[in-house]
Amino acid sequence: MEGKTAEIHLSDGKIYNTRMTFVALEAMLGDGFIKAHRGCIVSAMAIHEISDMIDLVNGEKLEYARRRKNNIIESLQTSRKRIIKGFDHDGVPDTEEQYHDYYRSFDEMPFAFTDIEMVFNEECEAVDWIFRYANEALARLEKLPLEKLIGQSFGTLFSNMDAKWLKGYERSTLYGETLELMDYSPEIDTHLKVICFPTFKGHCGCILFDVDKIWFEQHSEDSAKTLARYYAKMPNNK
């Protein structure tokens, strides 16, 4: 609020002004928004984490009333809990075989793909994920055979699990967002580009690319690319 004017900030940076009272705006926006202080409410979907400021997913920061910190955290957990309670098993495969039947068309894809089921703690924060389907390209990228990946949680497979990927996967699972993430993965010592998107309730799908290979494809001559593909496809004993 700026005086009697409500400034409505959108995630794309646009700002709209309207002569609406704070009470009316708060009532109209409903339970998905959290009161940061007397003149500011923010979408729960926009919150990355609560630190000394409210850190938003677009990099912006909001001040909040310190006396409201516990209420804000509780409201955020309530919002996420409401979504998680809505996760039902309708249409979700029951077995490894059913997952494979559903995603069979990804088996021979040249890019790594996996469907993961998110694991949440009592505070409704994502703490791990379980591989429910993965193709051979994903197994090569993770440097583990498929039989060791499927049905296992990432945290049990990699003791040096880096939690930075969790926030993106959590957002896709809870809020239905499609996100593109690029960062270094210490677990497999590889720079990755990951596209994550919602699949089943409580799940998200991930397409993963080795950034070094993307660079090679974009900067190498055709002959070098051909040789690389040839040697990559040769039997191990050749």
C-alpha atoms as a PDB file:
ATOM      1  CA  MET A   1       0.000   0.000   0.000  1.00  0.00           C
ATOM      2  CA  GLU A   2       1.128   3.552  -0.831  1.00  0.00           C
ATOM      3  CA  GLY A   3      -1.305   5.765   1.018  1.00  0.00           C
ATOM      4  CA  LYS A   4      -4.744   4.887  -0.361  1.00  0.00           C
ATOM      5  CA  THR A   5      -3.285   3.310  -3.495  1.00  0.00           C
ATOM      6  CA  ALA A   6      -2.685  -0.420  -3.776  1.00  0.00           C
ATOM      7  CA  GLU A   7       0.380  -1.282  -5.845  1.00  0.00           C
ATOM      8  CA  ILE A   8      -0.038  -4.742  -7.368  1.00  0.00           C
ATOM      9  CA  HIS A   9       3.383  -6.171  -8.326  1.00  0.00           C
ATOM     10  CA  LEU A  10       3.372  -9.024 -10.836  1.00  0.00           C
ATOM     11  CA  SER A  11       6.096 -11.647 -11.151  1.00  0.00           C
ATOM     12  CA  ASP A  12       7.078 -10.283 -14.585  1.00  0.00           C
ATOM     13  CA  GLY A  13       7.915  -6.887 -13.097  1.00  0.00           C
ATOM     14  CA  LYS A  14       4.757  -5.035 -14.099  1.00  0.00           C
ATOM     15  CA  ILE A  15       3.060  -2.839 -11.494  1.00  0.00           C
ATOM     16  CA  TYR A  16      -0.614  -1.883 -11.469  1.00  0.00           C
ATOM     17  CA  ASN A  17      -2.112   0.831  -9.265  1.00  0.00           C
ATOM     18  CA  THR A  18      -5.677   0.738  -8.017  1.00  0.00           C
ATOM     19  CA  ARG A  19      -7.778   2.630  -5.497  1.00  0.00           C
ATOM     20  CA  MET A  20      -8.626  -0.421  -3.411  1.00  0.00           C
ATOM     21  CA  THR A  21      -8.406  -0.828   0.332  1.00  0.00           C
ATOM     22  CA  PHE A  22      -5.927  -3.285   1.794  1.00  0.00           C
ATOM     23  CA  VAL A  23      -8.739  -5.192   3.513  1.00  0.00           C
ATOM     24  CA  ALA A  24     -10.660  -5.583   0.235  1.00  0.00           C
ATOM     25  CA  LEU A  25      -7.556  -6.685  -1.656  1.00  0.00           C
ATOM     26  CA  GLU A  26      -6.619  -9.197   1.035  1.00  0.00           C
ATOM     27  CA  ALA A  27     -10.127 -10.683   0.987  1.00  0.00           C
ATOM     28  CA  MET A  28     -10.154 -10.911  -2.803  1.00  0.00           C
ATOM     29  CA  LEU A  29      -6.767 -12.653  -3.064  1.00  0.00           C
ATOM     30  CA  GLY A  30      -7.639 -15.261  -0.430  1.00  0.00           C
ATOM     31  CA  ASP A  31      -5.668 -17.965   1.384  1.00  0.00           C
ATOM     32  CA  GLY A  32      -2.839 -18.205  -1.137  1.00  0.00           C
ATOM     33  CA  PHE A  33      -1.428 -14.883   0.065  1.00  0.00           C
ATOM     34  CA  ILE A  34       0.468 -14.154   3.283  1.00  0.00           C
ATOM     35  CA  LYS A  35       0.556 -10.895   5.226  1.00  0.00           C
ATOM     36  CA  ALA A  36       4.155  -9.693   5.517  1.00  0.00           C
ATOM     37  CA  HIS A  37       3.334  -6.504   7.421  1.00  0.00           C
ATOM     38  CA  ARG A  38       0.491  -4.066   7.823  1.00  0.00           C
ATOM     39  CA  GLY A  39       0.638  -2.819   4.236  1.00  0.00           C
ATOM     40  CA  CYS A  40       1.990  -5.784   2.271  1.00  0.00           C
ATOM     41  CA  ILE A  41       0.755  -9.224   1.283  1.00  0.00           C
ATOM     42  CA  VAL A  42       2.638 -11.674  -0.898  1.00  0.00           C
ATOM     43  CA  SER A  43       1.774 -14.872  -2.751  1.00  0.00           C
ATOM     44  CA  ALA A  44       2.979 -18.023  -0.998  1.00  0.00           C
ATOM     45  CA  MET A  45       4.059 -19.276  -4.440  1.00  0.00           C
ATOM     46  CA  ALA A  46       6.471 -16.336  -4.755  1.00  0.00           C
ATOM     47  CA  ILE A  47       8.384 -17.088  -1.538  1.00  0.00           C
ATOM     48  CA  HIS A  48      11.738 -18.836  -1.851  1.00  0.00           C
ATOM     49  CA  GLU A  49      12.601 -18.743   1.835  1.00  0.00           C
ATOM     50  CA  ILE A  50      12.302 -16.666   4.989  1.00  0.00           C
ATOM     51  CA  SER A  51      15.587 -15.174   6.215  1.00  0.00           C
ATOM     52  CA  ASP A  52      16.216 -11.651   7.506  1.00  0.00           C
ATOM     53  CA  MET A  53      14.005 -10.701   4.563  1.00  0.00           C
ATOM     54  CA  ILE A  54      11.336 -12.554   2.608  1.00  0.00           C
ATOM     55  CA  ASP A  55      13.359 -13.850  -0.333  1.00  0.00           C
ATOM     56  CA  LEU A  56      11.251 -14.155  -3.494  1.00  0.00           C
ATOM     57  CA  VAL A  57      11.855 -16.593  -6.332  1.00  0.00           C
ATOM     58  CA  ASN A  58      12.560 -13.738  -8.776  1.00  0.00           C
ATOM     59  CA  GLY A  59      15.434 -12.474  -6.618  1.00  0.00           C
ATOM     60  CA  GLU A  60      13.545  -9.614  -4.965  1.00  0.00           C
ATOM     61  CA  LYS A  61      13.414  -9.202  -1.195  1.00  0.00           C
ATOM     62  CA  LEU A  62      10.604  -7.946   1.034  1.00  0.00           C
ATOM     63  CA  GLU A  63      10.817  -6.559   4.506  1.00  0.00           C
ATOM     64  CA  TYR A  64       8.474  -8.047   7.077  1.00  0.00           C
ATOM     65  CA  ALA A  65       7.453  -7.317  10.638  1.00  0.00           C
ATOM     66  CA  ARG A  66       9.824  -9.340  12.841  1.00  0.00           C
ATOM     67  CA  ARG A  67       7.060 -10.051  15.333  1.00  0.00           C
ATOM     68  CA  ARG A  68       5.191 -11.763  12.473  1.00  0.00           C
ATOM     69  CA  LYS A  69       8.021 -14.122  11.473  1.00  0.00           C
ATOM     70  CA  ASN A  70       6.541 -17.211  13.129  1.00  0.00           C
ATOM     71  CA  ASN A  71       3.087 -16.393  11.737  1.00  0.00           C
ATOM     72  CA  ILE A  72       4.505 -15.971   8.230  1.00  0.00           C
ATOM     73  CA  ILE A  73       6.377 -19.293   8.409  1.00  0.00           C
ATOM     74  CA  GLU A  74       3.269 -21.012   9.778  1.00  0.00           C
ATOM     75  CA  SER A  75       1.104 -19.518   7.021  1.00  0.00           C
ATOM     76  CA  LEU A  76       3.583 -20.695   4.378  1.00  0.00           C
ATOM     77  CA  GLN A  77       3.583 -24.215   5.836  1.00  0.00           C
ATOM     78  CA  THR A  78      -0.235 -24.220   5.968  1.00  0.00           C
ATOM     79  CA  SER A  79      -0.417 -23.216   2.316  1.00  0.00           C
ATOM     80  CA  ARG A  80       1.966 -25.998   1.298  1.00  0.00           C
ATOM     81  CA  LYS A  81       0.258 -28.525   3.578  1.00  0.00           C
ATOM     82  CA  ARG A  82      -3.062 -27.782   1.890  1.00  0.00           C
ATOM     83  CA  ILE A  83      -1.521 -28.578  -1.498  1.00  0.00           C
ATOM     84  CA  ILE A  84       0.224 -31.729  -0.266  1.00  0.00           C
ATOM     85  CA  LYS A  85      -2.986 -33.020   1.344  1.00  0.00           C
ATOM     86  CA  GLY A  86      -4.588 -32.711  -2.090  1.00  0.00           C
ATOM     87  CA  PHE A  87      -2.120 -35.184  -3.562  1.00  0.00           C
ATOM     88  CA  ASP A  88      -4.107 -38.331  -4.212  1.00  0.00           C
ATOM     89  CA  HIS A  89      -3.033 -41.553  -5.877  1.00  0.00           C
ATOM     90  CA  ASP A  90      -5.574 -41.445  -8.703  1.00  0.00           C
ATOM     91  CA  GLY A  91      -3.841 -42.161 -11.982  1.00  0.00           C
ATOM     92  CA  VAL A  92      -0.419 -42.618 -10.382  1.00  0.00           C
ATOM     93  CA  PRO A  93       1.321 -45.917 -11.281  1.00  0.00           C
ATOM     94  CA  ASP A  94       1.598 -48.426  -8.441  1.00  0.00           C
ATOM     95  CA  THR A  95       4.618 -50.422  -9.533  1.00  0.00           C
ATOM     96  CA  GLU A  96       7.951 -50.022 -11.288  1.00  0.00           C
ATOM     97  CA  GLU A  97       6.506 -51.889 -14.266  1.00  0.00           C
ATOM     98  CA  GLN A  98       3.551 -49.505 -14.531  1.00  0.00           C
ATOM     99  CA  TYR A  99       5.878 -46.490 -14.451  1.00  0.00           C
ATOM    100  CA  HIS A 100       7.933 -48.074 -17.210  1.00  0.00           C
ATOM    101  CA  ASP A 101       4.855 -48.779 -19.313  1.00  0.00           C
ATOM    102  CA  TYR A 102       3.754 -45.154 -18.951  1.00  0.00           C
ATOM    103  CA  TYR A 103       7.158 -43.703 -19.892  1.00  0.00           C
ATOM    104  CA  ARG A 104       8.292 -46.405 -22.309  1.00  0.00           C
ATOM    105  CA  SER A 105       8.674 -43.885 -25.149  1.00  0.00           C
ATOM    106  CA  PHE A 106      11.542 -42.235 -23.223  1.00  0.00           C
ATOM    107  CA  ASP A 107      13.617 -45.446 -23.043  1.00  0.00           C
ATOM    108  CA  GLU A 108      15.716 -44.747 -26.133  1.00  0.00           C
ATOM    109  CA  MET A 109      15.675 -40.957 -26.026  1.00  0.00           C
ATOM    110  CA  PRO A 110      19.153 -39.386 -26.408  1.00  0.00           C
ATOM    111  CA  PHE A 111      18.589 -37.077 -23.440  1.00  0.00           C
ATOM    112  CA  ALA A 112      18.394 -38.043 -19.766  1.00  0.00           C
ATOM    113  CA  PHE A 113      14.868 -38.159 -18.334  1.00  0.00           C
ATOM    114  CA  THR A 114      13.443 -39.152 -14.963  1.00  0.00           C
ATOM    115  CA  ASP A 115      10.162 -38.956 -13.082  1.00  0.00           C
ATOM    116  CA  ILE A 116      10.761 -38.247  -9.404  1.00  0.00           C
ATOM    117  CA  GLU A 117       8.442 -38.396  -6.400  1.00  0.00           C
ATOM    118  CA  MET A 118       9.164 -35.643  -3.899  1.00  0.00           C
ATOM    119  CA  VAL A 119       9.684 -36.385  -0.202  1.00  0.00           C
ATOM    120  CA  PHE A 120       8.455 -33.717   2.234  1.00  0.00           C
ATOM    121  CA  ASN A 121       9.190 -33.333   5.943  1.00  0.00           C
ATOM    122  CA  GLU A 122       6.720 -32.292   8.664  1.00  0.00           C
ATOM    123  CA  GLU A 123       7.411 -28.619   7.881  1.00  0.00           C
ATOM    124  CA  CYS A 124       6.225 -29.287   4.300  1.00  0.00           C
ATOM    125  CA  GLU A 125       9.678 -28.687   2.857  1.00  0.00           C
ATOM    126  CA  ALA A 126      11.093 -30.940   0.156  1.00  0.00           C
ATOM    127  CA  VAL A 127      14.016 -32.908   1.628  1.00  0.00           C
ATOM    128  CA  ASP A 128      14.645 -35.625  -0.979  1.00  0.00           C
ATOM    129  CA  TRP A 129      13.207 -37.335  -4.040  1.00  0.00           C
ATOM    130  CA  ILE A 130      12.719 -40.912  -5.218  1.00  0.00           C
ATOM    131  CA  PHE A 131      13.474 -42.070  -8.763  1.00  0.00           C
ATOM    132  CA  ARG A 132      10.274 -43.699 -10.069  1.00  0.00           C
ATOM    133  CA  TYR A 133      11.302 -43.897 -13.718  1.00  0.00           C
ATOM    134  CA  ALA A 134      14.609 -43.211 -15.454  1.00  0.00           C
ATOM    135  CA  ASN A 135      16.022 -44.011 -18.878  1.00  0.00           C
ATOM    136  CA  GLU A 136      19.472 -45.305 -19.795  1.00  0.00           C
ATOM    137  CA  ALA A 137      20.685 -41.811 -20.648  1.00  0.00           C
ATOM    138  CA  LEU A 138      19.896 -40.744 -17.061  1.00  0.00           C
ATOM    139  CA  ALA A 139      21.761 -43.791 -15.699  1.00  0.00           C
ATOM    140  CA  ARG A 140      24.842 -42.839 -17.733  1.00  0.00           C
ATOM    141  CA  LEU A 141      24.659 -39.255 -16.511  1.00  0.00           C
ATOM    142  CA  GLU A 142      24.272 -40.305 -12.866  1.00  0.00           C
ATOM    143  CA  LYS A 143      27.010 -42.955 -13.334  1.00  0.00           C
ATOM    144  CA  LEU A 144      24.827 -45.658 -11.773  1.00  0.00           C
ATOM    145  CA  PRO A 145      22.982 -48.625 -13.327  1.00  0.00           C
ATOM    146  CA  LEU A 146      19.216 -48.289 -13.665  1.00  0.00           C
ATOM    147  CA  GLU A 147      18.532 -51.084 -11.189  1.00  0.00           C
ATOM    148  CA  LYS A 148      20.326 -49.076  -8.496  1.00  0.00           C
ATOM    149  CA  LEU A 149      18.428 -45.879  -9.324  1.00  0.00           C
ATOM    150  CA  ILE A 150      14.789 -46.920  -9.653  1.00  0.00           C
ATOM    151  CA  GLY A 151      12.918 -46.888  -6.358  1.00  0.00           C
ATOM    152  CA  GLN A 152      15.802 -45.269  -4.467  1.00  0.00           C
ATOM    153  CA  SER A 153      15.994 -41.791  -3.001  1.00  0.00           C
ATOM    154  CA  PHE A 154      18.680 -39.430  -4.234  1.00  0.00           C
ATOM    155  CA  GLY A 155      19.915 -38.817  -0.692  1.00  0.00           C
ATOM    156  CA  THR A 156      20.603 -42.507  -0.054  1.00  0.00           C
ATOM    157  CA  LEU A 157      22.558 -42.805  -3.315  1.00  0.00           C
ATOM    158  CA  PHE A 158      24.634 -39.653  -2.902  1.00  0.00           C
ATOM    159  CA  SER A 159      25.888 -38.799   0.572  1.00  0.00           C
ATOM    160  CA  ASN A 160      27.065 -35.383  -0.681  1.00  0.00           C
ATOM    161  CA  MET A 161      23.548 -34.421  -1.785  1.00  0.00           C
ATOM    162  CA  ASP A 162      23.321 -30.707  -2.641  1.00  0.00           C
ATOM    163  CA  ALA A 163      19.901 -29.336  -1.643  1.00  0.00           C
ATOM    164  CA  LYS A 164      19.927 -26.504  -4.197  1.00  0.00           C
ATOM    165  CA  TRP A 165      18.005 -28.601  -6.748  1.00  0.00           C
ATOM    166  CA  LEU A 166      15.226 -29.287  -4.236  1.00  0.00           C
ATOM    167  CA  LYS A 167      13.722 -25.792  -4.413  1.00  0.00           C
ATOM    168  CA  GLY A 168      13.163 -25.999  -8.156  1.00  0.00           C
ATOM    169  CA  TYR A 169      11.720 -29.503  -8.041  1.00  0.00           C
ATOM    170  CA  GLU A 170       9.555 -28.485  -5.081  1.00  0.00           C
ATOM    171  CA  ARG A 171       8.102 -25.553  -7.020  1.00  0.00           C
ATOM    172  CA  SER A 172       7.276 -27.711 -10.030  1.00  0.00           C
ATOM    173  CA  THR A 173       5.599 -30.287  -7.791  1.00  0.00           C
ATOM    174  CA  LEU A 174       3.635 -27.896  -5.576  1.00  0.00           C
ATOM    175  CA  TYR A 175       2.794 -25.064  -7.953  1.00  0.00           C
ATOM    176  CA  GLY A 176       2.837 -26.667 -11.390  1.00  0.00           C
ATOM    177  CA  GLU A 177       5.688 -24.557 -12.731  1.00  0.00           C
ATOM    178  CA  THR A 178       8.037 -25.461 -15.558  1.00  0.00           C
ATOM    179  CA  LEU A 179      11.535 -24.287 -14.652  1.00  0.00           C
ATOM    180  CA  GLU A 180      14.937 -24.284 -16.292  1.00  0.00           C
ATOM    181  CA  LEU A 181      17.841 -24.713 -13.843  1.00  0.00           C
ATOM    182  CA  MET A 182      21.560 -24.518 -14.564  1.00  0.00           C
ATOM    183  CA  ASP A 183      24.197 -25.287 -11.949  1.00  0.00           C
ATOM    184  CA  TYR A 184      27.067 -27.529 -10.953  1.00  0.00           C
ATOM    185  CA  SER A 185      26.237 -30.962  -9.539  1.00  0.00           C
ATOM    186  CA  PRO A 186      28.989 -32.034  -7.103  1.00  0.00           C
ATOM    187  CA  GLU A 187      27.379 -35.461  -6.769  1.00  0.00           C
ATOM    188  CA  ILE A 188      28.348 -36.403 -10.344  1.00  0.00           C
ATOM    189  CA  ASP A 189      30.979 -33.671 -10.919  1.00  0.00           C
ATOM    190  CA  THR A 190      29.048 -32.268 -13.878  1.00  0.00           C
ATOM    191  CA  HIS A 191      27.538 -28.931 -14.863  1.00  0.00           C
ATOM    192  CA  LEU A 192      23.878 -29.541 -15.628  1.00  0.00           C
ATOM    193  CA  LYS A 193      20.976 -27.900 -17.366  1.00  0.00           C
ATOM    194  CA  VAL A 194      17.715 -29.288 -15.958  1.00  0.00           C
ATOM    195  CA  ILE A 195      14.198 -28.656 -17.229  1.00  0.00           C
ATOM    196  CA  CYS A 196      11.672 -29.707 -14.584  1.00  0.00           C
ATOM    197  CA  PHE A 197       7.898 -29.790 -14.933  1.00  0.00           C
ATOM    198  CA  PRO A 198       4.899 -31.301 -13.095  1.00  0.00           C
ATOM    199  CA  THR A 199       3.794 -34.839 -13.929  1.00  0.00           C
ATOM    200  CA  PHE A 200       1.697 -36.820 -11.437  1.00  0.00           C
ATOM    201  CA  LYS A 201       0.543 -35.219  -8.190  1.00  0.00           C
ATOM    202  CA  GLY A 202       3.510 -35.099  -5.856  1.00  0.00           C
ATOM    203  CA  HIS A 203       5.917 -35.744  -8.747  1.00  0.00           C
ATOM    204  CA  CYS A 204       7.877 -33.820 -11.304  1.00  0.00           C
ATOM    205  CA  GLY A 205       9.644 -34.810 -14.481  1.00  0.00           C
ATOM    206  CA  CYS A 206      13.231 -33.755 -15.203  1.00  0.00           C
ATOM    207  CA  ILE A 207      15.102 -33.563 -18.506  1.00  0.00           C
ATOM    208  CA  LEU A 208      18.835 -33.247 -17.871  1.00  0.00           C
ATOM    209  CA  PHE A 209      21.670 -32.138 -20.139  1.00  0.00           C
ATOM    210  CA  ASP A 210      25.423 -32.197 -19.595  1.00  0.00           C
ATOM    211  CA  VAL A 211      26.411 -28.565 -20.222  1.00  0.00           C
ATOM    212  CA  ASP A 212      29.912 -29.554 -21.423  1.00  0.00           C
ATOM    213  CA  LYS A 213      28.369 -31.739 -24.132  1.00  0.00           C
ATOM    214  CA  ILE A 214      26.054 -28.910 -25.176  1.00  0.00           C
ATOM    215  CA  TRP A 215      29.117 -26.659 -25.567  1.00  0.00           C
ATOM    216  CA  PHE A 216      30.905 -29.371 -27.580  1.00  0.00           C
ATOM    217  CA  GLU A 217      27.948 -29.745 -29.946  1.00  0.00           C
ATOM    218  CA  GLN A 218      27.735 -25.997 -30.503  1.00  0.00           C
ATOM    219  CA  HIS A 219      31.447 -25.334 -31.021  1.00  0.00           C
ATOM    220  CA  SER A 220      32.845 -28.436 -32.729  1.00  0.00           C
ATOM    221  CA  GLU A 221      33.281 -29.200 -36.423  1.00  0.00           C
ATOM    222  CA  ASP A 222      31.020 -31.825 -37.970  1.00  0.00           C
ATOM    223  CA  SER A 223      33.911 -34.294 -38.289  1.00  0.00           C
ATOM    224  CA  ALA A 224      34.681 -34.044 -34.556  1.00  0.00           C
ATOM    225  CA  LYS A 225      31.029 -34.615 -33.692  1.00  0.00           C
ATOM    226  CA  THR A 226      30.910 -37.658 -35.972  1.00  0.00           C
ATOM    227  CA  LEU A 227      34.022 -39.197 -34.392  1.00  0.00           C
ATOM    228  CA  ALA A 228      32.671 -38.575 -30.889  1.00  0.00           C
ATOM    229  CA  ARG A 229      29.380 -40.280 -31.727  1.00  0.00           C
ATOM    230  CA  TYR A 230      31.218 -43.185 -33.373  1.00  0.00           C
ATOM    231  CA  TYR A 231      33.484 -43.897 -30.396  1.00  0.00           C
ATOM    232  CA  ALA A 232      30.653 -43.401 -27.911  1.00  0.00           C
ATOM    233  CA  LYS A 233      28.648 -46.136 -29.646  1.00  0.00           C
ATOM    234  CA  MET A 234      31.510 -48.635 -29.991  1.00  0.00           C
ATOM    235  CA  PRO A 235      31.367 -51.671 -27.679  1.00  0.00           C
ATOM    236  CA  ASN A 236      33.460 -51.298 -24.528  1.00  0.00           C
ATOM    237  CA  ASN A 237      35.838 -54.063 -25.612  1.00  0.00           C
ATOM    238  CA  LYS A 238      36.787 -52.389 -28.893  1.00  0.00           C
END
